[in-house]
Amino acid sequence: MREESPLLAVSHLTKSYDGWSRALDDVTFSLRRGEFVSIIGSSGAGKSTLLRCVNRLVVPTSGVVAFDGREVCTASRRELRALRRRIAMVFQHYNLVGRSTAVENVLQGRLGYKSSLAGSLGIFTEEEKRRAFQALEQVGLSDFAYARADSLSGGQKQRVGIARSLVQDPLLMLADEPIASLDPKSSRTVMDRLRWAADELGIACLVNLHQVDFALEYSDRVIALSGGRKVFDGVPAELDEATVKAIYDGKHDSAQQPAEAGELAAAEGLAEAEALAGAEAPAEAEADGEGAEGGRAAAAAAAARPAPLVASGVA
């Protein structure tokens, strides 16, 4: 029987923010369709950088990222937009528009499929609106569809973020510390929804976690980073206490962390317009390597255009 090609194949990935130290150092792994993989490691190990290299919010220094048979690192702007439609992202700090309702925020996940004009005017089809309500029902928030996002709890906001990702019809969902700010009950609810997406919808999930117990419980496979290097890649049963201690006791180059934090902050700004929905970014943001100014412009544009559902016929 012919072996299925991986959905995501990362080969010899390296990222340096300052030209000499490495946030990622020769990282190689693959991910199958519907597979749930957690990435663990101490702060500064390179987990967030790795996720953002997958959808090119952070541009790798070297290496190959192949998604669904297509090369991400060398993709043109148009090709990258198409790739990002199928790579959803769930953020630690939600990235919702607070003054918009839950369903309006969910519909932002369809922006990558729209023209700039339709997206800026919040014009969505009846099928897209139906799908947004269905996604909220799938994450247990159908009763909160018209609640403003800034009125929701942290766990509810994160589930809105998952619903927004679902309406993208993704093949891959990236989740960066999705439960870091949540209480244990809300954390389990969010992890249950991510696991459901993998099991029932066949969406591959690549999830950064600090909570090793959740990684062991929910993952098909666990990858560990230390100092930007992959130091473990195996099934949860192989990750014993001694191995976990060795992972978190590993030394990493702290000099890399300030530069990493700065570029990740810029990438987070771009994410609302690009990673959430693959939406078209301003040309100047692409030209300057997706830097801070482009990130702020993209984030401001996204925040200024909540989808006007009532005007579009949803009441």
C-alpha atoms as a PDB file:
ATOM      1  CA  MET A   1       0.000   0.000   0.000  1.00  0.00           C
ATOM      2  CA  ARG A   2       1.290   3.465  -0.935  1.00  0.00           C
ATOM      3  CA  GLU A   3       2.187   5.533   2.118  1.00  0.00           C
ATOM      4  CA  GLU A   4       0.229   8.773   2.457  1.00  0.00           C
ATOM      5  CA  SER A   5       2.262  11.923   1.917  1.00  0.00           C
ATOM      6  CA  PRO A   6       2.478  14.164   4.980  1.00  0.00           C
ATOM      7  CA  LEU A   7       0.262  17.234   5.048  1.00  0.00           C
ATOM      8  CA  LEU A   8       3.109  19.283   6.524  1.00  0.00           C
ATOM      9  CA  ALA A   9       6.796  18.529   6.040  1.00  0.00           C
ATOM     10  CA  VAL A  10       9.365  20.742   7.775  1.00  0.00           C
ATOM     11  CA  SER A  11      12.974  20.069   6.806  1.00  0.00           C
ATOM     12  CA  HIS A  12      16.150  21.508   8.367  1.00  0.00           C
ATOM     13  CA  LEU A  13      14.335  24.670   9.467  1.00  0.00           C
ATOM     14  CA  THR A  14      16.559  27.380  10.930  1.00  0.00           C
ATOM     15  CA  LYS A  15      15.674  30.885  12.104  1.00  0.00           C
ATOM     16  CA  SER A  16      18.021  33.558  13.415  1.00  0.00           C
ATOM     17  CA  TYR A  17      16.779  36.994  14.412  1.00  0.00           C
ATOM     18  CA  ASP A  18      20.176  38.570  14.994  1.00  0.00           C
ATOM     19  CA  GLY A  19      22.387  36.813  12.467  1.00  0.00           C
ATOM     20  CA  TRP A  20      24.411  34.706  14.883  1.00  0.00           C
ATOM     21  CA  SER A  21      22.260  32.907  17.465  1.00  0.00           C
ATOM     22  CA  ARG A  22      19.428  30.608  16.460  1.00  0.00           C
ATOM     23  CA  ALA A  23      15.823  30.612  17.632  1.00  0.00           C
ATOM     24  CA  LEU A  24      15.363  27.443  15.557  1.00  0.00           C
ATOM     25  CA  ASP A  25      18.249  25.161  14.724  1.00  0.00           C
ATOM     26  CA  ASP A  26      17.861  22.493  12.002  1.00  0.00           C
ATOM     27  CA  VAL A  27      14.334  21.380  12.981  1.00  0.00           C
ATOM     28  CA  THR A  28      12.790  18.568  10.940  1.00  0.00           C
ATOM     29  CA  PHE A  29       9.393  16.889  11.405  1.00  0.00           C
ATOM     30  CA  SER A  30       6.201  16.028   9.542  1.00  0.00           C
ATOM     31  CA  LEU A  31       2.482  16.021  10.290  1.00  0.00           C
ATOM     32  CA  ARG A  32      -0.248  13.803   8.844  1.00  0.00           C
ATOM     33  CA  ARG A  33      -3.812  14.824   8.060  1.00  0.00           C
ATOM     34  CA  GLY A  34      -5.936  14.638  11.193  1.00  0.00           C
ATOM     35  CA  GLU A  35      -2.926  14.186  13.473  1.00  0.00           C
ATOM     36  CA  PHE A  36      -2.770  16.046  16.801  1.00  0.00           C
ATOM     37  CA  VAL A  37       0.790  17.043  17.704  1.00  0.00           C
ATOM     38  CA  SER A  38       1.798  19.135  20.715  1.00  0.00           C
ATOM     39  CA  ILE A  39       5.022  21.112  20.953  1.00  0.00           C
ATOM     40  CA  ILE A  40       6.456  21.522  24.439  1.00  0.00           C
ATOM     41  CA  GLY A  41       9.509  23.257  25.825  1.00  0.00           C
ATOM     42  CA  SER A  42      10.519  26.082  28.106  1.00  0.00           C
ATOM     43  CA  SER A  43       9.935  29.758  27.310  1.00  0.00           C
ATOM     44  CA  GLY A  44      12.357  30.850  24.613  1.00  0.00           C
ATOM     45  CA  ALA A  45      12.759  27.335  23.227  1.00  0.00           C
ATOM     46  CA  GLY A  46      11.437  28.410  19.806  1.00  0.00           C
ATOM     47  CA  LYS A  47       7.857  27.085  19.940  1.00  0.00           C
ATOM     48  CA  SER A  48       6.115  30.276  18.767  1.00  0.00           C
ATOM     49  CA  THR A  49       8.757  30.917  16.132  1.00  0.00           C
ATOM     50  CA  LEU A  50       8.225  27.424  14.754  1.00  0.00           C
ATOM     51  CA  LEU A  51       4.466  27.859  14.407  1.00  0.00           C
ATOM     52  CA  ARG A  52       4.881  31.205  12.660  1.00  0.00           C
ATOM     53  CA  CYS A  53       7.442  29.811  10.257  1.00  0.00           C
ATOM     54  CA  VAL A  54       4.839  27.249   9.156  1.00  0.00           C
ATOM     55  CA  ASN A  55       2.508  29.964   7.809  1.00  0.00           C
ATOM     56  CA  ARG A  56       5.386  32.394   7.109  1.00  0.00           C
ATOM     57  CA  LEU A  57       4.333  35.071   9.548  1.00  0.00           C
ATOM     58  CA  VAL A  58       8.000  34.715  10.460  1.00  0.00           C
ATOM     59  CA  VAL A  59      10.316  34.184   7.487  1.00  0.00           C
ATOM     60  CA  PRO A  60      12.765  31.296   8.074  1.00  0.00           C
ATOM     61  CA  THR A  61      16.474  31.884   7.634  1.00  0.00           C
ATOM     62  CA  SER A  62      16.874  28.541   5.874  1.00  0.00           C
ATOM     63  CA  GLY A  63      15.120  25.228   5.431  1.00  0.00           C
ATOM     64  CA  VAL A  64      11.969  23.978   3.746  1.00  0.00           C
ATOM     65  CA  VAL A  65       8.322  24.133   4.828  1.00  0.00           C
ATOM     66  CA  ALA A  66       6.034  22.150   2.515  1.00  0.00           C
ATOM     67  CA  PHE A  67       2.278  22.307   3.125  1.00  0.00           C
ATOM     68  CA  ASP A  68      -0.114  20.117   1.123  1.00  0.00           C
ATOM     69  CA  GLY A  69       2.639  19.520  -1.420  1.00  0.00           C
ATOM     70  CA  ARG A  70       3.480  23.212  -1.897  1.00  0.00           C
ATOM     71  CA  GLU A  71       6.536  25.110  -0.700  1.00  0.00           C
ATOM     72  CA  VAL A  72       5.666  27.871   1.766  1.00  0.00           C
ATOM     73  CA  CYS A  73       9.016  29.677   2.068  1.00  0.00           C
ATOM     74  CA  THR A  74       9.322  30.462  -1.635  1.00  0.00           C
ATOM     75  CA  ALA A  75       5.623  31.055  -2.368  1.00  0.00           C
ATOM     76  CA  SER A  76       4.617  34.285  -4.076  1.00  0.00           C
ATOM     77  CA  ARG A  77       2.267  36.671  -2.331  1.00  0.00           C
ATOM     78  CA  ARG A  78      -0.721  35.283  -4.224  1.00  0.00           C
ATOM     79  CA  GLU A  79       0.331  31.685  -3.570  1.00  0.00           C
ATOM     80  CA  LEU A  80       0.905  32.435   0.110  1.00  0.00           C
ATOM     81  CA  ARG A  81      -2.565  33.905   0.449  1.00  0.00           C
ATOM     82  CA  ALA A  82      -4.039  30.729  -1.027  1.00  0.00           C
ATOM     83  CA  LEU A  83      -1.967  28.560   1.329  1.00  0.00           C
ATOM     84  CA  ARG A  84      -3.026  30.552   4.390  1.00  0.00           C
ATOM     85  CA  ARG A  85      -6.682  29.967   3.620  1.00  0.00           C
ATOM     86  CA  ARG A  86      -6.144  26.344   4.621  1.00  0.00           C
ATOM     87  CA  ILE A  87      -3.874  27.069   7.612  1.00  0.00           C
ATOM     88  CA  ALA A  88      -5.915  28.452  10.506  1.00  0.00           C
ATOM     89  CA  MET A  89      -4.404  29.948  13.652  1.00  0.00           C
ATOM     90  CA  VAL A  90      -5.661  30.095  17.234  1.00  0.00           C
ATOM     91  CA  PHE A  91      -3.921  32.659  19.428  1.00  0.00           C
ATOM     92  CA  GLN A  92      -3.152  32.820  23.117  1.00  0.00           C
ATOM     93  CA  HIS A  93      -4.707  36.295  23.359  1.00  0.00           C
ATOM     94  CA  TYR A  94      -7.664  35.493  21.068  1.00  0.00           C
ATOM     95  CA  ASN A  95      -7.228  38.344  18.508  1.00  0.00           C
ATOM     96  CA  LEU A  96     -10.940  39.143  18.478  1.00  0.00           C
ATOM     97  CA  VAL A  97     -12.572  42.494  17.693  1.00  0.00           C
ATOM     98  CA  GLY A  98     -14.035  43.335  21.097  1.00  0.00           C
ATOM     99  CA  ARG A  99     -16.873  45.569  19.924  1.00  0.00           C
ATOM    100  CA  SER A 100     -18.092  43.012  17.364  1.00  0.00           C
ATOM    101  CA  THR A 101     -20.359  40.090  18.155  1.00  0.00           C
ATOM    102  CA  ALA A 102     -19.172  36.517  18.366  1.00  0.00           C
ATOM    103  CA  VAL A 103     -20.665  35.604  14.991  1.00  0.00           C
ATOM    104  CA  GLU A 104     -19.155  38.686  13.347  1.00  0.00           C
ATOM    105  CA  ASN A 105     -15.752  37.629  14.638  1.00  0.00           C
ATOM    106  CA  VAL A 106     -16.284  34.096  13.352  1.00  0.00           C
ATOM    107  CA  LEU A 107     -17.062  35.422   9.883  1.00  0.00           C
ATOM    108  CA  GLN A 108     -13.626  37.053   9.760  1.00  0.00           C
ATOM    109  CA  GLY A 109     -12.377  33.559   9.048  1.00  0.00           C
ATOM    110  CA  ARG A 110     -13.889  33.842   5.560  1.00  0.00           C
ATOM    111  CA  LEU A 111     -11.960  36.984   4.577  1.00  0.00           C
ATOM    112  CA  GLY A 112      -9.294  34.986   2.764  1.00  0.00           C
ATOM    113  CA  TYR A 113     -11.936  33.856   0.281  1.00  0.00           C
ATOM    114  CA  LYS A 114     -13.155  37.380  -0.475  1.00  0.00           C
ATOM    115  CA  SER A 115     -12.064  40.360  -2.503  1.00  0.00           C
ATOM    116  CA  SER A 116     -10.702  43.322  -0.576  1.00  0.00           C
ATOM    117  CA  LEU A 117     -13.920  45.254  -1.266  1.00  0.00           C
ATOM    118  CA  ALA A 118     -16.269  42.488  -0.115  1.00  0.00           C
ATOM    119  CA  GLY A 119     -14.158  41.912   2.986  1.00  0.00           C
ATOM    120  CA  SER A 120     -14.002  45.585   3.946  1.00  0.00           C
ATOM    121  CA  LEU A 121     -17.775  45.935   3.533  1.00  0.00           C
ATOM    122  CA  GLY A 122     -18.523  42.753   5.458  1.00  0.00           C
ATOM    123  CA  ILE A 123     -20.428  41.156   2.596  1.00  0.00           C
ATOM    124  CA  PHE A 124     -20.963  37.463   3.255  1.00  0.00           C
ATOM    125  CA  THR A 125     -23.173  34.894   1.564  1.00  0.00           C
ATOM    126  CA  GLU A 126     -26.085  33.242   3.296  1.00  0.00           C
ATOM    127  CA  GLU A 127     -24.136  29.977   3.294  1.00  0.00           C
ATOM    128  CA  GLU A 128     -21.180  31.662   5.010  1.00  0.00           C
ATOM    129  CA  LYS A 129     -23.488  33.106   7.658  1.00  0.00           C
ATOM    130  CA  ARG A 130     -25.098  29.705   8.187  1.00  0.00           C
ATOM    131  CA  ARG A 131     -21.655  28.147   8.508  1.00  0.00           C
ATOM    132  CA  ALA A 132     -20.613  30.748  11.099  1.00  0.00           C
ATOM    133  CA  PHE A 133     -23.604  29.940  13.306  1.00  0.00           C
ATOM    134  CA  GLN A 134     -22.912  26.230  12.849  1.00  0.00           C
ATOM    135  CA  ALA A 135     -19.296  26.713  13.958  1.00  0.00           C
ATOM    136  CA  LEU A 136     -20.437  28.497  17.110  1.00  0.00           C
ATOM    137  CA  GLU A 137     -22.790  25.605  17.804  1.00  0.00           C
ATOM    138  CA  GLN A 138     -19.918  23.154  17.307  1.00  0.00           C
ATOM    139  CA  VAL A 139     -17.896  24.894  20.030  1.00  0.00           C
ATOM    140  CA  GLY A 140     -20.886  25.161  22.372  1.00  0.00           C
ATOM    141  CA  LEU A 141     -21.559  28.885  21.958  1.00  0.00           C
ATOM    142  CA  SER A 142     -24.748  29.054  19.892  1.00  0.00           C
ATOM    143  CA  ASP A 143     -26.456  31.042  22.684  1.00  0.00           C
ATOM    144  CA  PHE A 144     -23.712  33.690  22.530  1.00  0.00           C
ATOM    145  CA  ALA A 145     -23.774  34.414  18.787  1.00  0.00           C
ATOM    146  CA  TYR A 146     -24.870  38.032  19.291  1.00  0.00           C
ATOM    147  CA  ALA A 147     -22.857  38.702  22.449  1.00  0.00           C
ATOM    148  CA  ARG A 148     -20.051  41.215  22.057  1.00  0.00           C
ATOM    149  CA  ALA A 149     -16.658  39.564  22.175  1.00  0.00           C
ATOM    150  CA  ASP A 150     -15.475  41.842  24.978  1.00  0.00           C
ATOM    151  CA  SER A 151     -18.311  40.538  27.192  1.00  0.00           C
ATOM    152  CA  LEU A 152     -17.190  36.903  26.953  1.00  0.00           C
ATOM    153  CA  SER A 153     -14.981  34.970  29.362  1.00  0.00           C
ATOM    154  CA  GLY A 154     -11.489  33.910  28.351  1.00  0.00           C
ATOM    155  CA  GLY A 155     -12.552  30.361  27.599  1.00  0.00           C
ATOM    156  CA  GLN A 156     -15.504  31.572  25.520  1.00  0.00           C
ATOM    157  CA  LYS A 157     -13.264  33.949  23.575  1.00  0.00           C
ATOM    158  CA  GLN A 158     -10.895  31.119  22.768  1.00  0.00           C
ATOM    159  CA  ARG A 159     -13.768  28.984  21.533  1.00  0.00           C
ATOM    160  CA  VAL A 160     -14.867  31.864  19.285  1.00  0.00           C
ATOM    161  CA  GLY A 161     -11.302  31.822  17.944  1.00  0.00           C
ATOM    162  CA  ILE A 162     -11.624  28.107  17.221  1.00  0.00           C
ATOM    163  CA  ALA A 163     -14.981  28.673  15.488  1.00  0.00           C
ATOM    164  CA  ARG A 164     -13.379  31.408  13.382  1.00  0.00           C
ATOM    165  CA  SER A 165     -10.701  28.917  12.380  1.00  0.00           C
ATOM    166  CA  LEU A 166     -13.281  26.255  11.497  1.00  0.00           C
ATOM    167  CA  VAL A 167     -15.063  28.461   8.942  1.00  0.00           C
ATOM    168  CA  GLN A 168     -11.790  28.740   7.027  1.00  0.00           C
ATOM    169  CA  ASP A 169     -12.217  25.056   6.133  1.00  0.00           C
ATOM    170  CA  PRO A 170      -8.604  24.459   7.151  1.00  0.00           C
ATOM    171  CA  LEU A 171      -6.473  21.407   6.632  1.00  0.00           C
ATOM    172  CA  LEU A 172      -4.149  22.520   9.428  1.00  0.00           C
ATOM    173  CA  MET A 173      -4.831  24.398  12.643  1.00  0.00           C
ATOM    174  CA  LEU A 174      -1.957  26.082  14.483  1.00  0.00           C
ATOM    175  CA  ALA A 175      -2.626  26.902  18.138  1.00  0.00           C
ATOM    176  CA  ASP A 176      -0.102  28.987  20.060  1.00  0.00           C
ATOM    177  CA  GLU A 177      -0.516  28.494  23.820  1.00  0.00           C
ATOM    178  CA  PRO A 178      -4.329  28.336  23.481  1.00  0.00           C
ATOM    179  CA  ILE A 179      -4.916  27.570  27.162  1.00  0.00           C
ATOM    180  CA  ALA A 180      -2.120  29.580  28.802  1.00  0.00           C
ATOM    181  CA  SER A 181      -4.529  32.218  30.148  1.00  0.00           C
ATOM    182  CA  LEU A 182      -7.381  29.883  31.093  1.00  0.00           C
ATOM    183  CA  ASP A 183      -8.498  28.104  34.242  1.00  0.00           C
ATOM    184  CA  PRO A 184      -8.376  24.272  34.292  1.00  0.00           C
ATOM    185  CA  LYS A 185     -12.041  23.771  33.382  1.00  0.00           C
ATOM    186  CA  SER A 186     -11.914  26.194  30.451  1.00  0.00           C
ATOM    187  CA  SER A 187      -8.577  24.706  29.378  1.00  0.00           C
ATOM    188  CA  ARG A 188     -10.110  21.256  29.122  1.00  0.00           C
ATOM    189  CA  THR A 189     -13.083  22.588  27.149  1.00  0.00           C
ATOM    190  CA  VAL A 190     -10.764  24.266  24.634  1.00  0.00           C
ATOM    191  CA  MET A 191      -8.546  21.191  24.312  1.00  0.00           C
ATOM    192  CA  ASP A 192     -11.630  19.000  23.842  1.00  0.00           C
ATOM    193  CA  ARG A 193     -12.716  21.203  20.905  1.00  0.00           C
ATOM    194  CA  LEU A 194      -9.294  21.053  19.278  1.00  0.00           C
ATOM    195  CA  ARG A 195      -9.152  17.282  19.680  1.00  0.00           C
ATOM    196  CA  TRP A 196     -12.684  17.031  18.237  1.00  0.00           C
ATOM    197  CA  ALA A 197     -11.577  19.023  15.178  1.00  0.00           C
ATOM    198  CA  ALA A 198      -8.771  16.521  14.595  1.00  0.00           C
ATOM    199  CA  ASP A 199     -10.869  13.400  15.190  1.00  0.00           C
ATOM    200  CA  GLU A 200     -14.167  14.370  13.576  1.00  0.00           C
ATOM    201  CA  LEU A 201     -13.151  16.853  10.880  1.00  0.00           C
ATOM    202  CA  GLY A 202      -9.724  15.468  10.014  1.00  0.00           C
ATOM    203  CA  ILE A 203      -7.993  18.789  10.690  1.00  0.00           C
ATOM    204  CA  ALA A 204      -4.348  18.371  11.636  1.00  0.00           C
ATOM    205  CA  CYS A 205      -3.531  20.290  14.826  1.00  0.00           C
ATOM    206  CA  LEU A 206      -0.101  21.622  15.799  1.00  0.00           C
ATOM    207  CA  VAL A 207      -0.401  23.017  19.319  1.00  0.00           C
ATOM    208  CA  ASN A 208       2.151  24.811  21.498  1.00  0.00           C
ATOM    209  CA  LEU A 209       1.655  23.948  25.166  1.00  0.00           C
ATOM    210  CA  HIS A 210       3.361  24.635  28.477  1.00  0.00           C
ATOM    211  CA  GLN A 211       1.043  22.163  30.211  1.00  0.00           C
ATOM    212  CA  VAL A 212       2.813  18.831  29.756  1.00  0.00           C
ATOM    213  CA  ASP A 213      -0.089  16.904  31.309  1.00  0.00           C
ATOM    214  CA  PHE A 214      -2.474  18.176  28.635  1.00  0.00           C
ATOM    215  CA  ALA A 215       0.079  17.374  25.924  1.00  0.00           C
ATOM    216  CA  LEU A 216       0.312  13.795  27.196  1.00  0.00           C
ATOM    217  CA  GLU A 217      -3.450  13.388  27.417  1.00  0.00           C
ATOM    218  CA  TYR A 218      -4.556  14.893  24.103  1.00  0.00           C
ATOM    219  CA  SER A 219      -1.711  14.312  21.654  1.00  0.00           C
ATOM    220  CA  ASP A 220      -1.021  11.597  19.122  1.00  0.00           C
ATOM    221  CA  ARG A 221       2.584  12.743  19.193  1.00  0.00           C
ATOM    222  CA  VAL A 222       4.703  15.178  21.176  1.00  0.00           C
ATOM    223  CA  ILE A 223       7.624  17.250  19.896  1.00  0.00           C
ATOM    224  CA  ALA A 224       9.956  18.947  22.372  1.00  0.00           C
ATOM    225  CA  LEU A 225      12.219  21.905  21.660  1.00  0.00           C
ATOM    226  CA  SER A 226      15.166  23.062  23.741  1.00  0.00           C
ATOM    227  CA  GLY A 227      17.362  25.950  22.672  1.00  0.00           C
ATOM    228  CA  GLY A 228      15.738  25.928  19.246  1.00  0.00           C
ATOM    229  CA  ARG A 229      16.594  22.266  18.627  1.00  0.00           C
ATOM    230  CA  LYS A 230      14.233  19.318  18.424  1.00  0.00           C
ATOM    231  CA  VAL A 231      15.190  17.073  21.332  1.00  0.00           C
ATOM    232  CA  PHE A 232      12.200  14.700  21.363  1.00  0.00           C
ATOM    233  CA  ASP A 233       9.659  13.457  18.840  1.00  0.00           C
ATOM    234  CA  GLY A 234       7.533  10.508  19.868  1.00  0.00           C
ATOM    235  CA  VAL A 235       4.271   9.206  21.284  1.00  0.00           C
ATOM    236  CA  PRO A 236       3.165  10.356  24.753  1.00  0.00           C
ATOM    237  CA  ALA A 237       3.931   6.942  26.288  1.00  0.00           C
ATOM    238  CA  GLU A 238       7.621   7.486  25.528  1.00  0.00           C
ATOM    239  CA  LEU A 239       7.727  10.792  27.371  1.00  0.00           C
ATOM    240  CA  ASP A 240       8.592   9.751  30.913  1.00  0.00           C
ATOM    241  CA  GLU A 241       9.379  12.000  33.872  1.00  0.00           C
ATOM    242  CA  ALA A 242      13.141  11.823  33.357  1.00  0.00           C
ATOM    243  CA  THR A 243      12.803  12.851  29.716  1.00  0.00           C
ATOM    244  CA  VAL A 244      10.532  15.783  30.605  1.00  0.00           C
ATOM    245  CA  LYS A 245      13.019  16.938  33.257  1.00  0.00           C
ATOM    246  CA  ALA A 246      15.851  16.770  30.731  1.00  0.00           C
ATOM    247  CA  ILE A 247      13.819  18.830  28.240  1.00  0.00           C
ATOM    248  CA  TYR A 248      13.076  21.609  30.701  1.00  0.00           C
ATOM    249  CA  ASP A 249      16.536  21.582  32.281  1.00  0.00           C
ATOM    250  CA  GLY A 250      18.183  22.130  28.897  1.00  0.00           C
ATOM    251  CA  LYS A 251      20.138  25.316  28.328  1.00  0.00           C
ATOM    252  CA  HIS A 252      18.991  27.798  25.727  1.00  0.00           C
ATOM    253  CA  ASP A 253      20.494  30.964  24.341  1.00  0.00           C
ATOM    254  CA  SER A 254      18.759  33.737  26.270  1.00  0.00           C
ATOM    255  CA  ALA A 255      20.423  36.376  24.097  1.00  0.00           C
ATOM    256  CA  GLN A 256      18.106  35.326  21.287  1.00  0.00           C
ATOM    257  CA  GLN A 257      14.910  35.940  23.241  1.00  0.00           C
ATOM    258  CA  PRO A 258      14.572  39.774  23.035  1.00  0.00           C
ATOM    259  CA  ALA A 259      14.950  39.741  19.241  1.00  0.00           C
ATOM    260  CA  GLU A 260      12.557  36.813  18.998  1.00  0.00           C
ATOM    261  CA  ALA A 261       9.957  38.563  21.124  1.00  0.00           C
ATOM    262  CA  GLY A 262      10.133  41.709  19.002  1.00  0.00           C
ATOM    263  CA  GLU A 263       9.631  39.972  15.687  1.00  0.00           C
ATOM    264  CA  LEU A 264       6.917  37.733  17.089  1.00  0.00           C
ATOM    265  CA  ALA A 265       5.049  40.837  18.264  1.00  0.00           C
ATOM    266  CA  ALA A 266       5.189  42.225  14.722  1.00  0.00           C
ATOM    267  CA  ALA A 267       4.039  38.883  13.342  1.00  0.00           C
ATOM    268  CA  GLU A 268       1.143  38.848  15.817  1.00  0.00           C
ATOM    269  CA  GLY A 269       0.036  42.201  14.383  1.00  0.00           C
ATOM    270  CA  LEU A 270      -0.051  40.772  10.865  1.00  0.00           C
ATOM    271  CA  ALA A 271      -1.931  37.712  11.976  1.00  0.00           C
ATOM    272  CA  GLU A 272      -5.379  39.295  12.170  1.00  0.00           C
ATOM    273  CA  ALA A 273      -5.406  40.122   8.477  1.00  0.00           C
ATOM    274  CA  GLU A 274      -3.240  37.317   7.147  1.00  0.00           C
ATOM    275  CA  ALA A 275      -3.067  34.199   9.318  1.00  0.00           C
ATOM    276  CA  LEU A 276      -6.661  34.221  10.482  1.00  0.00           C
ATOM    277  CA  ALA A 277      -8.073  34.276   7.018  1.00  0.00           C
ATOM    278  CA  GLY A 278      -5.328  34.518   4.450  1.00  0.00           C
ATOM    279  CA  ALA A 279      -6.662  37.993   3.755  1.00  0.00           C
ATOM    280  CA  GLU A 280      -4.774  40.215   1.353  1.00  0.00           C
ATOM    281  CA  ALA A 281      -2.114  42.275   3.147  1.00  0.00           C
ATOM    282  CA  PRO A 282      -0.987  45.781   2.180  1.00  0.00           C
ATOM    283  CA  ALA A 283       1.831  45.697  -0.365  1.00  0.00           C
ATOM    284  CA  GLU A 284       4.134  47.636   1.920  1.00  0.00           C
ATOM    285  CA  ALA A 285       3.731  45.006   4.648  1.00  0.00           C
ATOM    286  CA  GLU A 286       4.927  42.301   2.272  1.00  0.00           C
ATOM    287  CA  ALA A 287       7.719  44.465   0.900  1.00  0.00           C
ATOM    288  CA  ASP A 288       9.363  45.168   4.230  1.00  0.00           C
ATOM    289  CA  GLY A 289       9.507  41.551   5.274  1.00  0.00           C
ATOM    290  CA  GLU A 290       6.245  41.667   7.264  1.00  0.00           C
ATOM    291  CA  GLY A 291       7.773  44.113   9.716  1.00  0.00           C
ATOM    292  CA  ALA A 292       6.273  46.069  12.568  1.00  0.00           C
ATOM    293  CA  GLU A 293       4.796  48.902  10.467  1.00  0.00           C
ATOM    294  CA  GLY A 294       3.115  46.494   8.088  1.00  0.00           C
ATOM    295  CA  GLY A 295       1.859  44.481  11.037  1.00  0.00           C
ATOM    296  CA  ARG A 296       0.315  47.509  12.707  1.00  0.00           C
ATOM    297  CA  ALA A 297      -1.313  48.613   9.462  1.00  0.00           C
ATOM    298  CA  ALA A 298      -2.797  45.182   8.835  1.00  0.00           C
ATOM    299  CA  ALA A 299      -4.043  44.830  12.409  1.00  0.00           C
ATOM    300  CA  ALA A 300      -5.581  48.309  12.359  1.00  0.00           C
ATOM    301  CA  ALA A 301      -7.330  47.587   9.068  1.00  0.00           C
ATOM    302  CA  ALA A 302      -8.759  44.356  10.436  1.00  0.00           C
ATOM    303  CA  ALA A 303      -9.906  45.964  13.678  1.00  0.00           C
ATOM    304  CA  ALA A 304     -11.638  48.744  11.760  1.00  0.00           C
ATOM    305  CA  ARG A 305     -13.800  46.442   9.673  1.00  0.00           C
ATOM    306  CA  PRO A 306     -16.049  44.254  11.815  1.00  0.00           C
ATOM    307  CA  ALA A 307     -18.563  42.466   9.625  1.00  0.00           C
ATOM    308  CA  PRO A 308     -21.874  44.411   9.645  1.00  0.00           C
ATOM    309  CA  LEU A 309     -24.175  41.421   9.770  1.00  0.00           C
ATOM    310  CA  VAL A 310     -27.361  43.357  10.369  1.00  0.00           C
ATOM    311  CA  ALA A 311     -26.711  45.441   7.271  1.00  0.00           C
ATOM    312  CA  SER A 312     -25.961  42.247   5.378  1.00  0.00           C
ATOM    313  CA  GLY A 313     -29.261  40.697   6.279  1.00  0.00           C
ATOM    314  CA  VAL A 314     -28.466  38.758   9.454  1.00  0.00           C
ATOM    315  CA  ALA A 315     -30.610  39.790  12.401  1.00  0.00           C
END
